[in-house]
Amino acid sequence: MNSPLESHDPYLRTCTEPEVTSLIRELHERGKPFGIRWGSVAVNGATVDGRLLVDFGDTSVATLLNLLALLREAAQE
């Protein structure tokens, strides 16, 4: 796995709400085989220092991307 993204990574400032919503859809699809389901997860529109928050405990997009990276890696094994 590549190094995890940090929540302060400048790249995260470029993520738009539609892009993050698409990543959340991917999380739902990739998470199903592992029993990972967050029916209430959504972009909450709030930002911290220019970075969108994702509403499952107001986590950063970095957490979402890191989780997706793990799921993508698991699917390749």
N, C-alpha and C. Protein backbone atom coordinates (compact mmCIF):
# COMPACT_ATOMS: atom_id res chain seq x y z
N MET A 1 0.84 -1.18 0.00
CA MET A 1 0.00 0.00 0.00
C MET A 1 0.89 1.24 0.00
N ASN A 2 0.47 2.24 -0.73
CA ASN A 2 1.17 3.52 -0.69
C ASN A 2 1.00 4.11 0.70
N SER A 3 1.80 5.11 0.99
CA SER A 3 1.69 5.78 2.28
C SER A 3 0.30 6.38 2.42
N PRO A 4 -0.28 6.27 3.59
CA PRO A 4 -1.61 6.86 3.81
C PRO A 4 -1.57 8.38 3.65
N LEU A 5 -2.67 8.91 3.17
CA LEU A 5 -2.80 10.37 3.10
C LEU A 5 -2.99 10.92 4.50
N GLU A 6 -2.38 12.02 4.75
CA GLU A 6 -2.59 12.72 6.01
C GLU A 6 -3.77 13.67 5.84
N SER A 7 -4.47 13.95 6.92
CA SER A 7 -5.67 14.80 6.82
C SER A 7 -5.33 16.23 6.39
N HIS A 8 -4.07 16.62 6.49
CA HIS A 8 -3.68 17.97 6.09
C HIS A 8 -3.04 18.01 4.71
N ASP A 9 -3.09 16.91 3.95
CA ASP A 9 -2.49 16.87 2.62
C ASP A 9 -3.12 17.93 1.72
N PRO A 10 -2.33 18.76 1.07
CA PRO A 10 -2.87 19.83 0.21
C PRO A 10 -3.76 19.30 -0.92
N TYR A 11 -3.50 18.08 -1.39
CA TYR A 11 -4.32 17.49 -2.45
C TYR A 11 -5.80 17.49 -2.08
N LEU A 12 -6.10 17.29 -0.81
CA LEU A 12 -7.48 17.16 -0.37
C LEU A 12 -8.28 18.45 -0.57
N ARG A 13 -7.62 19.56 -0.69
CA ARG A 13 -8.31 20.83 -0.92
C ARG A 13 -8.93 20.90 -2.31
N THR A 14 -8.49 20.01 -3.21
CA THR A 14 -9.00 20.02 -4.57
C THR A 14 -10.24 19.14 -4.73
N CYS A 15 -10.58 18.34 -3.74
CA CYS A 15 -11.73 17.43 -3.83
C CYS A 15 -13.03 18.22 -3.79
N THR A 16 -13.88 17.94 -4.76
CA THR A 16 -15.18 18.60 -4.82
C THR A 16 -16.24 17.69 -4.21
N GLU A 17 -17.38 18.26 -3.89
CA GLU A 17 -18.46 17.46 -3.32
C GLU A 17 -18.90 16.33 -4.25
N PRO A 18 -19.07 16.57 -5.57
CA PRO A 18 -19.44 15.45 -6.45
C PRO A 18 -18.37 14.35 -6.49
N GLU A 19 -17.10 14.72 -6.45
CA GLU A 19 -16.04 13.71 -6.44
C GLU A 19 -16.09 12.87 -5.16
N VAL A 20 -16.29 13.52 -4.04
CA VAL A 20 -16.34 12.80 -2.77
C VAL A 20 -17.59 11.92 -2.71
N THR A 21 -18.69 12.40 -3.25
CA THR A 21 -19.91 11.59 -3.31
C THR A 21 -19.67 10.34 -4.14
N SER A 22 -18.93 10.47 -5.22
CA SER A 22 -18.59 9.31 -6.04
C SER A 22 -17.70 8.33 -5.27
N LEU A 23 -16.77 8.85 -4.50
CA LEU A 23 -15.92 7.99 -3.67
C LEU A 23 -16.74 7.25 -2.62
N ILE A 24 -17.73 7.92 -2.08
CA ILE A 24 -18.61 7.27 -1.08
C ILE A 24 -19.38 6.13 -1.74
N ARG A 25 -19.86 6.34 -2.96
CA ARG A 25 -20.54 5.25 -3.68
C ARG A 25 -19.59 4.07 -3.87
N GLU A 26 -18.33 4.38 -4.22
CA GLU A 26 -17.34 3.31 -4.37
C GLU A 26 -17.11 2.58 -3.05
N LEU A 27 -17.07 3.33 -1.96
CA LEU A 27 -16.92 2.72 -0.63
C LEU A 27 -18.04 1.73 -0.37
N HIS A 28 -19.27 2.11 -0.69
CA HIS A 28 -20.41 1.21 -0.50
C HIS A 28 -20.24 -0.07 -1.31
N GLU A 29 -19.83 0.07 -2.57
CA GLU A 29 -19.69 -1.11 -3.43
C GLU A 29 -18.53 -2.00 -2.99
N ARG A 30 -17.39 -1.41 -2.74
CA ARG A 30 -16.21 -2.19 -2.37
C ARG A 30 -16.32 -2.75 -0.96
N GLY A 31 -17.07 -2.10 -0.10
CA GLY A 31 -17.21 -2.54 1.27
C GLY A 31 -18.18 -3.68 1.47
N LYS A 32 -19.13 -3.84 0.53
CA LYS A 32 -20.16 -4.88 0.67
C LYS A 32 -19.59 -6.27 0.95
N PRO A 33 -18.61 -6.74 0.16
CA PRO A 33 -18.11 -8.10 0.41
C PRO A 33 -17.46 -8.27 1.79
N PHE A 34 -17.07 -7.18 2.41
CA PHE A 34 -16.42 -7.23 3.71
C PHE A 34 -17.38 -6.88 4.85
N GLY A 35 -18.63 -6.66 4.51
CA GLY A 35 -19.61 -6.31 5.53
C GLY A 35 -19.48 -4.87 6.01
N ILE A 36 -18.78 -4.06 5.24
CA ILE A 36 -18.60 -2.65 5.60
C ILE A 36 -19.73 -1.85 4.96
N ARG A 37 -20.58 -1.31 5.81
CA ARG A 37 -21.73 -0.53 5.32
C ARG A 37 -21.92 0.69 6.20
N TRP A 38 -22.01 1.82 5.57
CA TRP A 38 -22.32 3.06 6.26
C TRP A 38 -23.44 3.73 5.48
N GLY A 39 -24.66 3.37 5.78
CA GLY A 39 -25.80 3.91 5.06
C GLY A 39 -25.96 5.40 5.20
N SER A 40 -25.46 5.94 6.29
CA SER A 40 -25.66 7.37 6.54
C SER A 40 -24.48 8.23 6.11
N VAL A 41 -23.42 7.61 5.58
CA VAL A 41 -22.25 8.39 5.19
C VAL A 41 -22.59 9.32 4.04
N ALA A 42 -22.15 10.56 4.14
CA ALA A 42 -22.41 11.56 3.11
C ALA A 42 -21.44 12.72 3.29
N VAL A 43 -21.29 13.50 2.24
CA VAL A 43 -20.54 14.74 2.36
C VAL A 43 -21.42 15.68 3.17
N ASN A 44 -20.87 16.26 4.22
CA ASN A 44 -21.74 17.09 5.06
C ASN A 44 -21.65 18.57 4.72
N GLY A 45 -20.84 18.93 3.71
CA GLY A 45 -20.76 20.32 3.28
C GLY A 45 -19.86 21.19 4.13
N ALA A 46 -19.48 20.70 5.31
CA ALA A 46 -18.59 21.48 6.17
C ALA A 46 -17.15 21.30 5.71
N THR A 47 -16.34 22.28 5.98
CA THR A 47 -14.93 22.19 5.66
C THR A 47 -14.10 22.57 6.87
N VAL A 48 -12.90 22.05 6.89
CA VAL A 48 -11.91 22.44 7.87
C VAL A 48 -10.68 22.85 7.08
N ASP A 49 -10.32 24.09 7.16
CA ASP A 49 -9.15 24.61 6.45
C ASP A 49 -9.20 24.26 4.96
N GLY A 50 -10.38 24.38 4.38
CA GLY A 50 -10.54 24.14 2.95
C GLY A 50 -10.74 22.70 2.54
N ARG A 51 -10.84 21.79 3.49
CA ARG A 51 -11.03 20.38 3.17
C ARG A 51 -12.43 19.95 3.58
N LEU A 52 -13.10 19.25 2.66
CA LEU A 52 -14.45 18.75 2.94
C LEU A 52 -14.42 17.70 4.04
N LEU A 53 -15.49 17.65 4.82
CA LEU A 53 -15.66 16.59 5.81
C LEU A 53 -16.69 15.60 5.31
N VAL A 54 -16.50 14.36 5.68
CA VAL A 54 -17.43 13.29 5.34
C VAL A 54 -18.15 12.93 6.63
N ASP A 55 -19.47 12.79 6.53
CA ASP A 55 -20.28 12.60 7.71
C ASP A 55 -20.37 11.13 8.12
N PHE A 56 -19.33 10.59 8.70
CA PHE A 56 -19.40 9.42 9.56
C PHE A 56 -18.41 9.69 10.67
N GLY A 57 -18.87 10.56 11.55
CA GLY A 57 -18.03 11.05 12.62
C GLY A 57 -17.24 12.27 12.20
N ASP A 58 -17.73 13.00 11.19
CA ASP A 58 -17.05 14.18 10.67
C ASP A 58 -15.57 13.92 10.41
N THR A 59 -15.31 12.86 9.70
CA THR A 59 -13.94 12.52 9.36
C THR A 59 -13.52 13.27 8.11
N SER A 60 -12.25 13.27 7.84
CA SER A 60 -11.76 13.97 6.65
C SER A 60 -11.85 13.05 5.43
N VAL A 61 -11.72 13.65 4.27
CA VAL A 61 -11.70 12.88 3.03
C VAL A 61 -10.49 11.95 3.02
N ALA A 62 -9.42 12.32 3.71
CA ALA A 62 -8.24 11.46 3.78
C ALA A 62 -8.60 10.09 4.35
N THR A 63 -9.43 10.07 5.37
CA THR A 63 -9.86 8.80 5.97
C THR A 63 -10.63 7.97 4.95
N LEU A 64 -11.52 8.60 4.21
CA LEU A 64 -12.28 7.91 3.18
C LEU A 64 -11.35 7.34 2.11
N LEU A 65 -10.40 8.15 1.64
CA LEU A 65 -9.47 7.69 0.61
C LEU A 65 -8.56 6.57 1.12
N ASN A 66 -8.12 6.66 2.36
CA ASN A 66 -7.27 5.61 2.92
C ASN A 66 -8.04 4.30 3.08
N LEU A 67 -9.29 4.38 3.49
CA LEU A 67 -10.12 3.18 3.59
C LEU A 67 -10.35 2.57 2.21
N LEU A 68 -10.61 3.40 1.22
CA LEU A 68 -10.80 2.89 -0.14
C LEU A 68 -9.52 2.24 -0.65
N ALA A 69 -8.37 2.81 -0.34
CA ALA A 69 -7.09 2.22 -0.77
C ALA A 69 -6.94 0.82 -0.19
N LEU A 70 -7.30 0.64 1.08
CA LEU A 70 -7.24 -0.68 1.69
C LEU A 70 -8.19 -1.66 1.03
N LEU A 71 -9.40 -1.20 0.73
CA LEU A 71 -10.38 -2.08 0.08
C LEU A 71 -9.95 -2.44 -1.33
N ARG A 72 -9.37 -1.48 -2.05
CA ARG A 72 -8.87 -1.76 -3.41
C ARG A 72 -7.74 -2.79 -3.35
N GLU A 73 -6.86 -2.62 -2.38
CA GLU A 73 -5.75 -3.55 -2.22
C GLU A 73 -6.26 -4.96 -1.87
N ALA A 74 -7.24 -5.04 -1.00
CA ALA A 74 -7.80 -6.34 -0.61
C ALA A 74 -8.47 -7.02 -1.80
N ALA A 75 -9.07 -6.25 -2.68
CA ALA A 75 -9.74 -6.83 -3.85
C ALA A 75 -8.74 -7.43 -4.83
N GLN A 76 -7.51 -6.93 -4.81
CA GLN A 76 -6.49 -7.44 -5.73
C GLN A 76 -5.84 -8.72 -5.24
N GLU A 77 -5.99 -9.03 -3.98
CA GLU A 77 -5.36 -10.23 -3.42
C GLU A 77 -6.12 -11.47 -3.76
